[in-house]
């Protein structure tokens, strides 16, 4: 499965299947803010997801290896 299809399956498609598309599945105002960020392009290299550098849970930053000291 192409990487972009994997991302859709685990985000917007999963939210729609659960009936939660009003709360999760995309980055929009009013939705839960659970995010991860990586330094590279996970579409080009899915293994970038093994090297998460930033995590936001419920709108609060819980990890930030991208910030300068």
N, C-alpha and C. Protein backbone atom coordinates (compact mmCIF):
# COMPACT_ATOMS: atom_id res chain seq x y z
N UNK A 1 0.86 -1.18 0.00
CA UNK A 1 0.00 0.00 0.00
C UNK A 1 0.90 1.23 0.00
N UNK A 2 0.66 2.19 -0.85
CA UNK A 2 1.46 3.42 -0.86
C UNK A 2 1.34 4.17 0.48
N UNK A 3 2.40 4.86 0.85
CA UNK A 3 2.44 5.58 2.13
C UNK A 3 1.28 6.54 2.32
N UNK A 4 0.93 7.28 1.29
CA UNK A 4 -0.18 8.24 1.42
C UNK A 4 -1.48 7.52 1.74
N UNK A 5 -1.71 6.37 1.15
CA UNK A 5 -2.91 5.59 1.46
C UNK A 5 -2.89 5.06 2.88
N UNK A 6 -1.71 4.73 3.40
CA UNK A 6 -1.59 4.31 4.80
C UNK A 6 -2.01 5.45 5.71
N UNK A 7 -1.52 6.66 5.45
CA UNK A 7 -1.89 7.82 6.28
C UNK A 7 -3.38 8.07 6.25
N UNK A 8 -3.98 7.98 5.09
CA UNK A 8 -5.43 8.18 5.00
C UNK A 8 -6.17 7.08 5.77
N UNK A 9 -5.69 5.86 5.69
CA UNK A 9 -6.35 4.75 6.38
C UNK A 9 -6.33 4.93 7.88
N UNK A 10 -5.22 5.44 8.42
CA UNK A 10 -5.10 5.55 9.88
C UNK A 10 -5.58 6.89 10.43
N UNK A 11 -6.01 7.80 9.55
CA UNK A 11 -6.49 9.10 10.02
C UNK A 11 -7.92 9.33 9.58
N UNK A 12 -8.11 9.97 8.47
CA UNK A 12 -9.46 10.36 8.04
C UNK A 12 -10.36 9.17 7.76
N UNK A 13 -9.88 8.13 7.11
CA UNK A 13 -10.73 6.97 6.83
C UNK A 13 -11.14 6.26 8.12
N UNK A 14 -10.21 6.11 9.06
CA UNK A 14 -10.53 5.46 10.34
C UNK A 14 -11.54 6.29 11.12
N UNK A 15 -11.37 7.61 11.13
CA UNK A 15 -12.32 8.48 11.84
C UNK A 15 -13.72 8.35 11.24
N UNK A 16 -13.79 8.31 9.94
CA UNK A 16 -15.09 8.17 9.27
C UNK A 16 -15.75 6.83 9.60
N UNK A 17 -14.96 5.77 9.60
CA UNK A 17 -15.51 4.45 9.91
C UNK A 17 -16.04 4.38 11.33
N UNK A 18 -15.40 5.11 12.25
CA UNK A 18 -15.84 5.13 13.65
C UNK A 18 -16.98 6.12 13.88
N UNK A 19 -17.26 6.96 12.89
CA UNK A 19 -18.28 8.00 13.06
C UNK A 19 -17.77 9.17 13.88
N UNK A 20 -16.46 9.34 13.93
CA UNK A 20 -15.84 10.40 14.74
C UNK A 20 -15.24 11.51 13.89
N UNK A 21 -15.58 11.61 12.63
CA UNK A 21 -14.95 12.58 11.75
C UNK A 21 -15.15 14.02 12.22
N UNK A 22 -16.11 14.25 13.11
CA UNK A 22 -16.30 15.59 13.67
C UNK A 22 -15.31 15.89 14.79
N UNK A 23 -14.59 14.87 15.27
CA UNK A 23 -13.67 15.04 16.41
C UNK A 23 -12.21 14.74 16.08
N UNK A 24 -11.96 13.80 15.16
CA UNK A 24 -10.60 13.35 14.86
C UNK A 24 -10.45 13.09 13.36
N UNK A 25 -9.23 12.79 12.95
CA UNK A 25 -8.99 12.37 11.58
C UNK A 25 -8.36 13.40 10.68
N UNK A 26 -8.38 14.66 11.12
CA UNK A 26 -7.76 15.73 10.34
C UNK A 26 -7.39 16.87 11.28
N UNK A 27 -6.57 17.76 10.80
CA UNK A 27 -6.14 18.91 11.60
C UNK A 27 -7.05 20.08 11.24
N UNK A 28 -7.97 20.38 12.15
CA UNK A 28 -8.94 21.45 11.95
C UNK A 28 -9.31 22.06 13.30
N UNK A 29 -9.73 23.33 13.31
CA UNK A 29 -10.20 23.93 14.56
C UNK A 29 -11.36 23.12 15.15
N UNK A 30 -11.31 22.92 16.46
CA UNK A 30 -12.37 22.22 17.15
C UNK A 30 -12.16 20.72 17.27
N UNK A 31 -11.15 20.18 16.59
CA UNK A 31 -10.88 18.75 16.69
C UNK A 31 -9.78 18.51 17.71
N UNK A 32 -9.71 17.28 18.22
CA UNK A 32 -8.67 16.92 19.17
C UNK A 32 -7.30 17.14 18.53
N UNK A 33 -6.39 17.73 19.28
CA UNK A 33 -5.06 18.05 18.75
C UNK A 33 -4.05 17.01 19.20
N UNK A 34 -4.05 15.88 18.55
CA UNK A 34 -3.05 14.84 18.77
C UNK A 34 -2.22 14.77 17.49
N UNK A 35 -0.97 15.20 17.57
CA UNK A 35 -0.12 15.30 16.39
C UNK A 35 1.26 14.74 16.67
N UNK A 36 1.92 14.28 15.62
CA UNK A 36 3.33 13.95 15.68
C UNK A 36 4.01 14.62 14.50
N UNK A 37 5.29 14.92 14.67
CA UNK A 37 6.08 15.50 13.58
C UNK A 37 7.41 14.76 13.49
N UNK A 38 7.89 14.64 12.28
CA UNK A 38 9.17 14.01 12.00
C UNK A 38 10.01 14.97 11.19
N UNK A 39 11.31 14.75 11.13
CA UNK A 39 12.20 15.66 10.42
C UNK A 39 12.14 15.48 8.90
N UNK A 40 11.85 14.26 8.45
CA UNK A 40 11.83 13.97 7.02
C UNK A 40 10.43 13.88 6.47
N UNK A 41 10.32 13.33 5.28
CA UNK A 41 9.05 13.19 4.58
C UNK A 41 8.54 11.76 4.71
N UNK A 42 7.55 11.51 5.56
CA UNK A 42 7.08 10.15 5.76
C UNK A 42 6.34 9.58 4.54
N UNK A 43 5.93 10.42 3.62
CA UNK A 43 5.31 9.92 2.39
C UNK A 43 6.39 9.27 1.52
N UNK A 44 7.55 9.90 1.47
CA UNK A 44 8.67 9.35 0.69
C UNK A 44 9.35 8.19 1.41
N UNK A 45 9.39 8.25 2.76
CA UNK A 45 10.08 7.23 3.55
C UNK A 45 9.28 6.97 4.82
N UNK A 46 8.43 5.95 4.79
CA UNK A 46 7.54 5.65 5.91
C UNK A 46 8.30 5.38 7.21
N UNK A 47 9.57 4.99 7.13
CA UNK A 47 10.34 4.73 8.35
C UNK A 47 10.63 6.00 9.13
N UNK A 48 10.36 7.17 8.55
CA UNK A 48 10.48 8.42 9.32
C UNK A 48 9.59 8.37 10.56
N UNK A 49 8.51 7.63 10.50
CA UNK A 49 7.61 7.54 11.65
C UNK A 49 8.24 6.81 12.83
N UNK A 50 9.37 6.17 12.60
CA UNK A 50 10.12 5.54 13.69
C UNK A 50 11.00 6.55 14.42
N UNK A 51 11.08 7.77 13.88
CA UNK A 51 11.93 8.81 14.45
C UNK A 51 11.12 10.07 14.75
N UNK A 52 10.11 9.92 15.59
CA UNK A 52 9.23 11.03 15.94
C UNK A 52 10.01 12.07 16.75
N UNK A 53 9.86 13.33 16.37
CA UNK A 53 10.62 14.42 17.02
C UNK A 53 9.72 15.36 17.81
N UNK A 54 8.41 15.29 17.58
CA UNK A 54 7.47 16.20 18.23
C UNK A 54 6.16 15.46 18.46
N UNK A 55 5.58 15.64 19.66
CA UNK A 55 4.29 15.02 19.98
C UNK A 55 3.42 16.05 20.68
N UNK A 56 2.18 16.17 20.22
CA UNK A 56 1.17 16.99 20.89
C UNK A 56 0.00 16.07 21.21
N UNK A 57 -0.41 16.07 22.48
CA UNK A 57 -1.53 15.24 22.93
C UNK A 57 -2.54 16.15 23.60
N UNK A 58 -3.78 16.10 23.16
CA UNK A 58 -4.84 16.96 23.71
C UNK A 58 -4.46 18.44 23.68
N UNK A 59 -3.74 18.86 22.65
CA UNK A 59 -3.36 20.26 22.50
C UNK A 59 -2.16 20.68 23.32
N UNK A 60 -1.54 19.75 24.07
CA UNK A 60 -0.38 20.06 24.89
C UNK A 60 0.86 19.38 24.32
N UNK A 61 1.94 20.13 24.19
CA UNK A 61 3.19 19.55 23.69
C UNK A 61 3.77 18.67 24.79
N UNK A 62 4.02 17.41 24.44
CA UNK A 62 4.60 16.46 25.41
C UNK A 62 6.01 16.05 25.02
N UNK A 63 6.41 16.36 23.80
CA UNK A 63 7.79 16.12 23.36
C UNK A 63 8.10 17.12 22.26
N UNK A 64 9.28 17.72 22.34
CA UNK A 64 9.67 18.67 21.32
C UNK A 64 11.18 18.64 21.14
N UNK A 65 11.65 17.75 20.28
CA UNK A 65 13.07 17.69 19.96
C UNK A 65 13.41 18.63 18.81
N UNK A 66 12.44 19.38 18.30
CA UNK A 66 12.68 20.30 17.20
C UNK A 66 13.03 21.71 17.69
N UNK A 67 12.68 22.03 18.93
CA UNK A 67 12.94 23.36 19.48
C UNK A 67 14.43 23.56 19.72
N UNK A 68 14.88 24.75 19.47
CA UNK A 68 16.29 25.05 19.76
C UNK A 68 16.46 25.26 21.26
N UNK A 69 17.63 24.86 21.79
CA UNK A 69 17.85 24.94 23.25
C UNK A 69 17.90 26.34 23.77
